[in-house]
Amino acid sequence: MAERRIPFVKWGHLLRFDPDEIAAWLDRARRPDEGNGTAGRAS
């Protein structure tokens, strides 16, 4: 978050995350599937 890569809103001393913005950010950051069937899965 210090690099401001994850979308957030600062509210006082708290950070708030919009689930829709996080989902869109993850979709943009996801690498294309290379045919190995593991894209989008944590290992």
N, C-alpha and C. Protein backbone atom coordinates (compact mmCIF):
# COMPACT_ATOMS: atom_id res chain seq x y z
N MET A 1 0.81 -1.18 0.00
CA MET A 1 0.00 0.00 0.00
C MET A 1 0.86 1.25 0.00
N ALA A 2 2.03 1.16 0.57
CA ALA A 2 2.91 2.32 0.60
C ALA A 2 3.27 2.78 -0.82
N GLU A 3 3.28 1.83 -1.75
CA GLU A 3 3.58 2.16 -3.15
C GLU A 3 2.34 2.59 -3.91
N ARG A 4 1.19 2.59 -3.24
CA ARG A 4 -0.11 2.99 -3.81
C ARG A 4 -0.50 2.15 -5.01
N ARG A 5 -0.22 0.86 -4.94
CA ARG A 5 -0.62 -0.05 -6.01
C ARG A 5 -2.03 -0.60 -5.76
N ILE A 6 -2.38 -0.78 -4.50
CA ILE A 6 -3.70 -1.30 -4.14
C ILE A 6 -4.63 -0.10 -3.95
N PRO A 7 -5.80 -0.09 -4.62
CA PRO A 7 -6.72 1.04 -4.46
C PRO A 7 -7.33 1.09 -3.06
N PHE A 8 -7.26 2.26 -2.43
CA PHE A 8 -7.84 2.43 -1.10
C PHE A 8 -8.24 3.88 -0.90
N VAL A 9 -9.04 4.09 0.12
CA VAL A 9 -9.44 5.43 0.54
C VAL A 9 -8.98 5.60 1.98
N LYS A 10 -8.31 6.71 2.26
CA LYS A 10 -7.87 6.97 3.63
C LYS A 10 -8.95 7.79 4.33
N TRP A 11 -9.40 7.29 5.47
CA TRP A 11 -10.45 7.95 6.24
C TRP A 11 -9.88 8.18 7.64
N GLY A 12 -9.38 9.39 7.86
CA GLY A 12 -8.67 9.66 9.11
C GLY A 12 -7.38 8.86 9.13
N HIS A 13 -7.20 8.04 10.15
CA HIS A 13 -6.01 7.18 10.21
C HIS A 13 -6.30 5.77 9.71
N LEU A 14 -7.52 5.54 9.21
CA LEU A 14 -7.92 4.22 8.74
C LEU A 14 -7.85 4.13 7.22
N LEU A 15 -7.60 2.93 6.71
CA LEU A 15 -7.64 2.67 5.28
C LEU A 15 -8.87 1.84 4.99
N ARG A 16 -9.60 2.22 3.96
CA ARG A 16 -10.81 1.49 3.57
C ARG A 16 -10.64 0.98 2.14
N PHE A 17 -11.15 -0.22 1.88
CA PHE A 17 -11.03 -0.86 0.58
C PHE A 17 -12.41 -1.14 0.02
N ASP A 18 -12.65 -0.75 -1.23
CA ASP A 18 -13.90 -1.04 -1.92
C ASP A 18 -13.74 -2.41 -2.58
N PRO A 19 -14.58 -3.39 -2.22
CA PRO A 19 -14.43 -4.74 -2.79
C PRO A 19 -14.48 -4.76 -4.31
N ASP A 20 -15.31 -3.90 -4.92
CA ASP A 20 -15.39 -3.85 -6.39
C ASP A 20 -14.09 -3.33 -7.00
N GLU A 21 -13.49 -2.31 -6.35
CA GLU A 21 -12.22 -1.78 -6.85
C GLU A 21 -11.10 -2.80 -6.69
N ILE A 22 -11.10 -3.54 -5.59
CA ILE A 22 -10.08 -4.57 -5.37
C ILE A 22 -10.23 -5.67 -6.43
N ALA A 23 -11.46 -6.10 -6.72
CA ALA A 23 -11.69 -7.14 -7.73
C ALA A 23 -11.23 -6.67 -9.10
N ALA A 24 -11.53 -5.42 -9.46
CA ALA A 24 -11.09 -4.88 -10.75
C ALA A 24 -9.57 -4.78 -10.80
N TRP A 25 -8.95 -4.37 -9.69
CA TRP A 25 -7.49 -4.26 -9.63
C TRP A 25 -6.85 -5.65 -9.81
N LEU A 26 -7.42 -6.66 -9.16
CA LEU A 26 -6.90 -8.02 -9.30
C LEU A 26 -7.05 -8.51 -10.74
N ASP A 27 -8.18 -8.22 -11.38
CA ASP A 27 -8.38 -8.62 -12.78
C ASP A 27 -7.34 -7.98 -13.69
N ARG A 28 -7.03 -6.71 -13.44
CA ARG A 28 -6.02 -6.03 -14.27
C ARG A 28 -4.62 -6.58 -14.02
N ALA A 29 -4.34 -7.00 -12.77
CA ALA A 29 -3.00 -7.46 -12.41
C ALA A 29 -2.77 -8.93 -12.77
N ARG A 30 -3.85 -9.66 -13.02
CA ARG A 30 -3.74 -11.10 -13.30
C ARG A 30 -3.03 -11.32 -14.62
N ARG A 31 -2.10 -12.25 -14.61
CA ARG A 31 -1.39 -12.60 -15.84
C ARG A 31 -2.24 -13.53 -16.68
N PRO A 32 -2.11 -13.46 -17.99
CA PRO A 32 -2.89 -14.37 -18.84
C PRO A 32 -2.53 -15.83 -18.57
N ASP A 33 -3.51 -16.70 -18.69
CA ASP A 33 -3.29 -18.13 -18.49
C ASP A 33 -2.38 -18.65 -19.59
N GLU A 34 -1.35 -19.36 -19.18
CA GLU A 34 -0.40 -19.90 -20.15
C GLU A 34 -0.73 -21.34 -20.51
N GLY A 35 -1.96 -21.78 -20.19
CA GLY A 35 -2.37 -23.12 -20.56
C GLY A 35 -2.05 -24.19 -19.54
N ASN A 36 -1.56 -23.77 -18.37
CA ASN A 36 -1.21 -24.78 -17.36
C ASN A 36 -2.32 -24.99 -16.34
N GLY A 37 -3.42 -24.24 -16.46
CA GLY A 37 -4.56 -24.42 -15.59
C GLY A 37 -4.41 -23.90 -14.20
N THR A 38 -3.37 -23.09 -13.92
CA THR A 38 -3.17 -22.59 -12.56
C THR A 38 -3.35 -21.09 -12.46
N ALA A 39 -3.75 -20.42 -13.52
CA ALA A 39 -3.91 -18.97 -13.46
C ALA A 39 -4.98 -18.60 -12.45
N GLY A 40 -4.66 -17.59 -11.61
CA GLY A 40 -5.62 -17.11 -10.64
C GLY A 40 -5.70 -17.93 -9.38
N ARG A 41 -4.89 -18.96 -9.24
CA ARG A 41 -4.91 -19.79 -8.04
C ARG A 41 -3.67 -19.52 -7.21
N ALA A 42 -3.86 -19.45 -5.92
CA ALA A 42 -2.71 -19.29 -5.00
C ALA A 42 -2.02 -20.64 -4.87
N SER A 43 -0.71 -20.60 -4.76
CA SER A 43 0.01 -21.87 -4.60
C SER A 43 0.54 -22.03 -3.20
